PDB file of N, CA and C in Angstrom:
ATOM      1  N   GLY A   1     104.638  44.028  75.534  1.00  0.00           N
ATOM      2  CA  GLY A   1     103.751  43.034  74.989  1.00  0.00           C
ATOM      3  C   GLY A   1     102.312  43.566  75.061  1.00  0.00           C
ATOM      4  N   VAL A   2     102.096  44.925  75.320  1.00  0.00           N
ATOM      5  CA  VAL A   2     100.720  45.253  75.596  1.00  0.00           C
ATOM      6  C   VAL A   2     100.221  45.855  73.898  1.00  0.00           C
ATOM      7  N   ALA A   3     101.316  46.212  73.109  1.00  0.00           N
ATOM      8  CA  ALA A   3     101.014  47.040  71.931  1.00  0.00           C
ATOM      9  C   ALA A   3     100.435  45.926  70.917  1.00  0.00           C
ATOM     10  N   ASN A   4      99.085  46.877  69.857  1.00  0.00           N
ATOM     11  CA  ASN A   4      98.443  46.728  69.692  1.00  0.00           C
ATOM     12  C   ASN A   4      98.786  46.536  67.787  1.00  0.00           C
ATOM     13  N   PRO A   5      99.433  45.068  67.535  1.00  0.00           N
ATOM     14  CA  PRO A   5      99.851  45.337  65.891  1.00  0.00           C
ATOM     15  C   PRO A   5      99.043  45.659  64.968  1.00  0.00           C
ATOM     16  N   ALA A   6      97.673  45.590  65.091  1.00  0.00           N
ATOM     17  CA  ALA A   6      96.716  45.493  63.818  1.00  0.00           C
ATOM     18  C   ALA A   6      96.947  46.467  62.989  1.00  0.00           C
ATOM     19  N   ALA A   7      97.579  47.775  63.115  1.00  0.00           N
ATOM     20  CA  ALA A   7      97.435  48.760  62.261  1.00  0.00           C
ATOM     21  C   ALA A   7      98.998  48.823  61.604  1.00  0.00           C
ATOM     22  N   PHE A   8      99.749  48.357  62.215  1.00  0.00           N
ATOM     23  CA  PHE A   8     101.239  47.932  61.287  1.00  0.00           C
ATOM     24  C   PHE A   8     100.363  46.750  59.978  1.00  0.00           C
ATOM     25  N   LEU A   9      99.669  45.752  60.704  1.00  0.00           N
ATOM     26  CA  LEU A   9      99.372  44.556  59.722  1.00  0.00           C
ATOM     27  C   LEU A   9      98.524  44.971  58.799  1.00  0.00           C
ATOM     28  N   LEU A  10      97.303  45.696  59.127  1.00  0.00           N
ATOM     29  CA  LEU A  10      96.725  46.300  58.145  1.00  0.00           C
ATOM     30  C   LEU A  10      97.169  47.217  57.057  1.00  0.00           C
ATOM     31  N   SER A  11      98.771  47.485  57.770  1.00  0.00           N
ATOM     32  CA  SER A  11      99.360  48.917  56.623  1.00  0.00           C
ATOM     33  C   SER A  11     100.490  47.777  55.722  1.00  0.00           C
ATOM     34  N   ALA A  12     100.573  46.441  56.083  1.00  0.00           N
ATOM     35  CA  ALA A  12     101.199  45.710  55.385  1.00  0.00           C
ATOM     36  C   ALA A  12     100.127  45.425  54.256  1.00  0.00           C
ATOM     37  N   ALA A  13      98.858  44.926  54.375  1.00  0.00           N
ATOM     38  CA  ALA A  13      98.170  44.884  53.292  1.00  0.00           C
ATOM     39  C   ALA A  13      97.702  46.004  52.656  1.00  0.00           C
ATOM     40  N   MET A  14      97.615  46.902  52.884  1.00  0.00           N
ATOM     41  CA  MET A  14      97.543  48.180  52.417  1.00  0.00           C
ATOM     42  C   MET A  14      99.122  48.538  51.010  1.00  0.00           C
ATOM     43  N   CYS A  15     100.049  48.307  52.099  1.00  0.00           N
ATOM     44  CA  CYS A  15     100.898  48.161  50.986  1.00  0.00           C
ATOM     45  C   CYS A  15     101.160  46.973  49.947  1.00  0.00           C
ATOM     46  N   ALA A  16     100.935  45.895  49.824  1.00  0.00           N
ATOM     47  CA  ALA A  16     100.264  44.934  49.089  1.00  0.00           C
ATOM     48  C   ALA A  16      99.489  44.947  48.217  1.00  0.00           C
ATOM     49  N   ASP A  17      98.645  45.807  48.483  1.00  0.00           N
ATOM     50  CA  ASP A  17      97.109  46.043  47.836  1.00  0.00           C
ATOM     51  C   ASP A  17      97.624  47.243  46.584  1.00  0.00           C
ATOM     52  N   HIS A  18      98.446  47.846  47.273  1.00  0.00           N
ATOM     53  CA  HIS A  18      99.224  48.985  46.513  1.00  0.00           C
ATOM     54  C   HIS A  18     100.534  48.780  45.665  1.00  0.00           C
ATOM     55  N   LEU A  19     101.090  48.071  45.885  1.00  0.00           N
ATOM     56  CA  LEU A  19     102.242  47.002  44.691  1.00  0.00           C
ATOM     57  C   LEU A  19     101.434  46.419  43.479  1.00  0.00           C
ATOM     58  N   ALA A  20     100.266  45.492  44.164  1.00  0.00           N
ATOM     59  CA  ALA A  20      99.283  44.942  42.651  1.00  0.00           C
ATOM     60  C   ALA A  20      98.499  45.840  41.691  1.00  0.00           C
ATOM     61  N   ASN A  21      97.980  46.752  42.803  1.00  0.00           N
ATOM     62  CA  ASN A  21      97.857  48.182  41.829  1.00  0.00           C
ATOM     63  C   ASN A  21      98.674  48.582  40.551  1.00  0.00           C
ATOM     64  N   ARG A  22     100.034  48.835  41.640  1.00  0.00           N
ATOM     65  CA  ARG A  22     100.865  49.560  40.774  1.00  0.00           C
ATOM     66  C   ARG A  22     101.357  48.481  39.376  1.00  0.00           C
ATOM     67  N   SER A  23     101.606  47.417  39.519  1.00  0.00           N
ATOM     68  CA  SER A  23     102.177  46.334  38.434  1.00  0.00           C
ATOM     69  C   SER A  23     101.199  45.897  37.713  1.00  0.00           C
ATOM     70  N   ASN A  24      99.810  46.411  37.517  1.00  0.00           N
ATOM     71  CA  ASN A  24      98.678  46.002  36.664  1.00  0.00           C
ATOM     72  C   ASN A  24      98.361  47.433  36.459  1.00  0.00           C
ATOM     73  N   ASP A  25      98.678  47.152  34.900  1.00  0.00           N
ATOM     74  CA  ASP A  25      98.484  47.961  33.745  1.00  0.00           C
ATOM     75  C   ASP A  25      96.721  47.616  33.432  1.00  0.00           C
ATOM     76  N   GLY A  26      95.987  46.843  34.067  1.00  0.00           N
ATOM     77  CA  GLY A  26      94.992  46.962  33.639  1.00  0.00           C
ATOM     78  C   GLY A  26      94.765  45.435  32.231  1.00  0.00           C
ATOM     79  N   SER A  27      95.684  44.729  32.087  1.00  0.00           N
ATOM     80  CA  SER A  27      95.855  43.264  31.773  1.00  0.00           C
ATOM     81  C   SER A  27      95.773  42.625  33.217  1.00  0.00           C
ATOM     82  N   HIS A  28      95.393  41.187  32.775  1.00  0.00           N
ATOM     83  CA  HIS A  28      95.134  40.385  33.705  1.00  0.00           C
ATOM     84  C   HIS A  28      96.463  39.683  34.012  1.00  0.00           C
ATOM     85  N   ASP A  29      97.266  40.096  35.411  1.00  0.00           N
ATOM     86  CA  ASP A  29      98.396  39.820  35.997  1.00  0.00           C
ATOM     87  C   ASP A  29      98.304  39.016  37.023  1.00  0.00           C
ATOM     88  N   GLU A  30      98.371  37.756  37.204  1.00  0.00           N
ATOM     89  CA  GLU A  30      98.107  36.378  38.308  1.00  0.00           C
ATOM     90  C   GLU A  30      98.642  36.822  39.536  1.00  0.00           C
ATOM     91  N   ALA A  31      99.898  36.948  39.229  1.00  0.00           N
ATOM     92  CA  ALA A  31     101.283  37.890  40.707  1.00  0.00           C
ATOM     93  C   ALA A  31     100.512  38.932  41.229  1.00  0.00           C
ATOM     94  N   ALA A  32      99.832  39.614  40.409  1.00  0.00           N
ATOM     95  CA  ALA A  32      98.824  40.924  41.181  1.00  0.00           C
ATOM     96  C   ALA A  32      98.184  40.342  41.642  1.00  0.00           C
ATOM     97  N   ASP A  33      96.977  39.454  41.453  1.00  0.00           N
ATOM     98  CA  ASP A  33      95.602  38.565  42.081  1.00  0.00           C
ATOM     99  C   ASP A  33      96.029  38.148  43.031  1.00  0.00           C
ATOM    100  N   ASP A  34      97.411  37.164  42.950  1.00  0.00           N
ATOM    101  CA  ASP A  34      97.750  36.697  44.076  1.00  0.00           C
ATOM    102  C   ASP A  34      98.276  37.608  45.127  1.00  0.00           C
ATOM    103  N   LEU A  35      98.643  38.786  44.825  1.00  0.00           N
ATOM    104  CA  LEU A  35      99.267  39.417  45.925  1.00  0.00           C
ATOM    105  C   LEU A  35      97.928  40.619  47.072  1.00  0.00           C
ATOM    106  N   ARG A  36      96.419  40.668  45.866  1.00  0.00           N
ATOM    107  CA  ARG A  36      95.611  41.083  46.052  1.00  0.00           C
ATOM    108  C   ARG A  36      94.948  39.711  46.738  1.00  0.00           C
ATOM    109  N   HIS A  37      94.327  39.067  46.799  1.00  0.00           N
ATOM    110  CA  HIS A  37      93.985  37.876  47.497  1.00  0.00           C
ATOM    111  C   HIS A  37      94.557  37.805  49.046  1.00  0.00           C
ATOM    112  N   ARG A  38      96.555  38.140  49.006  1.00  0.00           N
ATOM    113  CA  ARG A  38      96.955  37.266  50.251  1.00  0.00           C
ATOM    114  C   ARG A  38      96.717  38.898  51.276  1.00  0.00           C
ATOM    115  N   ALA A  39      96.687  40.031  50.631  1.00  0.00           N
ATOM    116  CA  ALA A  39      96.056  41.217  51.279  1.00  0.00           C
ATOM    117  C   ALA A  39      94.694  41.005  52.265  1.00  0.00           C
ATOM    118  N   ALA A  40      93.908  40.645  51.039  1.00  0.00           N
ATOM    119  CA  ALA A  40      92.383  40.465  51.938  1.00  0.00           C
ATOM    120  C   ALA A  40      92.603  39.551  52.705  1.00  0.00           C
ATOM    121  N   ARG A  41      93.284  38.263  52.842  1.00  0.00           N
ATOM    122  CA  ARG A  41      93.184  37.442  53.513  1.00  0.00           C
ATOM    123  C   ARG A  41      93.977  38.153  55.118  1.00  0.00           C
ATOM    124  N   LEU A  42      94.724  38.982  54.939  1.00  0.00           N
ATOM    125  CA  LEU A  42      95.494  39.338  56.199  1.00  0.00           C
ATOM    126  C   LEU A  42      94.837  40.424  56.791  1.00  0.00           C
ATOM    127  N   ARG A  43      93.813  40.956  55.894  1.00  0.00           N
ATOM    128  CA  ARG A  43      92.681  41.947  56.379  1.00  0.00           C
ATOM    129  C   ARG A  43      91.694  41.043  57.174  1.00  0.00           C
ATOM    130  N   THR A  44      91.001  40.154  56.801  1.00  0.00           N
ATOM    131  CA  THR A  44      90.139  39.054  57.387  1.00  0.00           C
ATOM    132  C   THR A  44      90.802  38.724  58.689  1.00  0.00           C
ATOM    133  N   ALA A  45      91.958  38.211  58.060  1.00  0.00           N
ATOM    134  CA  ALA A  45      92.232  37.637  59.660  1.00  0.00           C
ATOM    135  C   ALA A  45      92.948  38.709  61.121  1.00  0.00           C
ATOM    136  N   VAL A  46      93.028  40.215  60.648  1.00  0.00           N
ATOM    137  CA  VAL A  46      93.134  41.011  61.552  1.00  0.00           C
ATOM    138  C   VAL A  46      92.047  41.698  62.352  1.00  0.00           C
ATOM    139  N   ILE A  47      91.386  41.634  61.539  1.00  0.00           N
ATOM    140  CA  ILE A  47      90.068  42.113  61.824  1.00  0.00           C
ATOM    141  C   ILE A  47      89.343  40.882  62.602  1.00  0.00           C
ATOM    142  N   ALA A  48      89.041  39.672  62.419  1.00  0.00           N
ATOM    143  CA  ALA A  48      88.674  38.752  63.201  1.00  0.00           C
ATOM    144  C   ALA A  48      89.688  38.429  64.657  1.00  0.00           C
ATOM    145  N   THR A  49      90.733  38.912  64.655  1.00  0.00           N
ATOM    146  CA  THR A  49      91.417  38.825  65.909  1.00  0.00           C
ATOM    147  C   THR A  49      91.124  39.667  66.697  1.00  0.00           C
ATOM    148  N   LEU A  50      90.904  40.778  66.119  1.00  0.00           N
ATOM    149  CA  LEU A  50      90.818  42.078  66.912  1.00  0.00           C
ATOM    150  C   LEU A  50      89.416  41.868  67.547  1.00  0.00           C
ATOM    151  N   LYS A  51      88.073  41.202  66.289  1.00  0.00           N
ATOM    152  CA  LYS A  51      86.898  41.024  67.479  1.00  0.00           C
ATOM    153  C   LYS A  51      86.808  39.975  68.323  1.00  0.00           C
ATOM    154  N   THR A  52      87.391  38.837  68.621  1.00  0.00           N
ATOM    155  CA  THR A  52      87.853  37.991  68.941  1.00  0.00           C
ATOM    156  C   THR A  52      88.315  37.720  70.518  1.00  0.00           C
ATOM    157  N   ASN A  53      89.824  38.549  70.419  1.00  0.00           N
ATOM    158  CA  ASN A  53      90.669  38.108  70.970  1.00  0.00           C
ATOM    159  C   ASN A  53      91.506  39.705  71.021  1.00  0.00           C
ATOM    160  N   PRO A  54      91.407  40.784  71.323  1.00  0.00           N
ATOM    161  CA  PRO A  54      91.818  42.250  70.968  1.00  0.00           C
ATOM    162  C   PRO A  54      92.777  42.230  72.457  1.00  0.00           C
ATOM    163  N   THR A  55      93.790  43.091  72.426  1.00  0.00           N
ATOM    164  CA  THR A  55      94.603  43.723  73.019  1.00  0.00           C
ATOM    165  C   THR A  55      94.128  44.483  74.078  1.00  0.00           C
ATOM    166  N   PRO A  56      95.157  44.741  75.103  1.00  0.00           N
ATOM    167  CA  PRO A  56      94.393  45.477  76.160  1.00  0.00           C
ATOM    168  C   PRO A  56      93.783  46.800  76.178  1.00  0.00           C
ATOM    169  N   ASP A  57      94.528  47.526  74.908  1.00  0.00           N
ATOM    170  CA  ASP A  57      93.898  48.708  74.625  1.00  0.00           C
ATOM    171  C   ASP A  57      92.675  48.651  74.127  1.00  0.00           C
ATOM    172  N   LEU A  58      92.365  47.684  73.758  1.00  0.00           N
ATOM    173  CA  LEU A  58      90.847  47.722  72.987  1.00  0.00           C
ATOM    174  C   LEU A  58      89.955  46.538  74.253  1.00  0.00           C
ATOM    175  N   GLY A  59      90.465  46.522  75.282  1.00  0.00           N
ATOM    176  CA  GLY A  59      89.139  45.882  76.117  1.00  0.00           C
ATOM    177  C   GLY A  59      90.039  44.518  76.752  1.00  0.00           C
ATOM    178  N   GLY A  60      90.776  43.882  75.871  1.00  0.00           N
ATOM    179  CA  GLY A  60      90.853  42.404  75.904  1.00  0.00           C
ATOM    180  C   GLY A  60      92.312  42.296  76.694  1.00  0.00           C
ATOM    181  N   THR A  61      92.436  41.006  76.651  1.00  0.00           N
ATOM    182  CA  THR A  61      94.029  40.461  77.436  1.00  0.00           C
ATOM    183  C   THR A  61      94.745  40.251  76.193  1.00  0.00           C
ATOM    184  N   ASN A  62      94.643  40.225  75.200  1.00  0.00           N
ATOM    185  CA  ASN A  62      96.012  39.404  74.280  1.00  0.00           C
ATOM    186  C   ASN A  62      97.122  40.309  74.823  1.00  0.00           C
ATOM    187  N   THR A  63      98.527  39.637  74.135  1.00  0.00           N
ATOM    188  CA  THR A  63      99.644  39.905  74.525  1.00  0.00           C
ATOM    189  C   THR A  63      99.608  40.654  72.352  1.00  0.00           C
ATOM    190  N   THR A  64     100.860  41.389  72.199  1.00  0.00           N
ATOM    191  CA  THR A  64     101.221  41.303  70.938  1.00  0.00           C
ATOM    192  C   THR A  64     101.868  40.465  70.356  1.00  0.00           C
ATOM    193  N   SER A  65     102.059  39.355  71.230  1.00  0.00           N
ATOM    194  CA  SER A  65     103.165  38.307  70.196  1.00  0.00           C
ATOM    195  C   SER A  65     101.880  37.482  70.308  1.00  0.00           C
ATOM    196  N   GLY A  66     100.643  37.666  71.129  1.00  0.00           N
ATOM    197  CA  GLY A  66      99.650  36.615  71.506  1.00  0.00           C
ATOM    198  C   GLY A  66      98.658  36.858  69.761  1.00  0.00           C
ATOM    199  N   PHE A  67      98.792  38.166  69.769  1.00  0.00           N
ATOM    200  CA  PHE A  67      97.665  38.876  68.738  1.00  0.00           C
ATOM    201  C   PHE A  67      98.035  38.477  67.148  1.00  0.00           C
ATOM    202  N   ALA A  68      99.757  38.723  66.904  1.00  0.00           N
ATOM    203  CA  ALA A  68     100.385  37.895  66.055  1.00  0.00           C
ATOM    204  C   ALA A  68     100.104  37.064  65.865  1.00  0.00           C
ATOM    205  N   GLY A  69     100.572  35.956  67.040  1.00  0.00           N
ATOM    206  CA  GLY A  69     100.132  34.689  66.546  1.00  0.00           C
ATOM    207  C   GLY A  69      99.098  34.101  66.526  1.00  0.00           C
ATOM    208  N   ASP A  70      97.757  34.306  66.958  1.00  0.00           N
ATOM    209  CA  ASP A  70      96.589  34.005  66.493  1.00  0.00           C
ATOM    210  C   ASP A  70      96.243  34.778  64.686  1.00  0.00           C
ATOM    211  N   VAL A  71      96.622  35.898  64.283  1.00  0.00           N
ATOM    212  CA  VAL A  71      96.414  36.263  63.023  1.00  0.00           C
ATOM    213  C   VAL A  71      97.391  35.095  62.154  1.00  0.00           C
ATOM    214  N   ALA A  72      98.221  35.085  62.450  1.00  0.00           N
ATOM    215  CA  ALA A  72      99.020  33.822  61.739  1.00  0.00           C
ATOM    216  C   ALA A  72      98.124  32.361  61.810  1.00  0.00           C
ATOM    217  N   ALA A  73      98.036  31.848  62.810  1.00  0.00           N
ATOM    218  CA  ALA A  73      97.131  31.000  62.932  1.00  0.00           C
ATOM    219  C   ALA A  73      95.693  30.912  62.271  1.00  0.00           C
ATOM    220  N   ARG A  74      95.237  32.225  61.814  1.00  0.00           N
ATOM    221  CA  ARG A  74      93.800  32.568  60.916  1.00  0.00           C
ATOM    222  C   ARG A  74      94.551  32.164  59.665  1.00  0.00           C
ATOM    223  N   LEU A  75      96.081  32.530  59.262  1.00  0.00           N
ATOM    224  CA  LEU A  75      96.331  32.531  57.768  1.00  0.00           C
ATOM    225  C   LEU A  75      96.225  31.308  57.592  1.00  0.00           C
ATOM    226  N   ALA A  76      97.076  30.419  58.550  1.00  0.00           N
ATOM    227  CA  ALA A  76      97.423  29.488  58.413  1.00  0.00           C
ATOM    228  C   ALA A  76      96.595  28.386  57.590  1.00  0.00           C
ATOM    229  N   SER A  77      95.201  28.397  58.442  1.00  0.00           N
ATOM    230  CA  SER A  77      94.069  27.762  58.631  1.00  0.00           C
ATOM    231  C   SER A  77      93.431  27.536  56.983  1.00  0.00           C
TER     232      SER A  77
END
């Protein structure tokens, strides 16, 4: 419960961006735009959680599951 899942979650956002960019040949693609939007929301949620409720490696008291739950709650709102 002390591992920081931020890198994993930010990597998922990077993968989503990569997939969105790969599928877009310059034309307007709503699915790619949606994927980019979701990746940006995930990055924002992770960074906000890092700032407000970090894990012990960053001087906080949050747990791995608590961090993931905080990110999920931000995404749900």
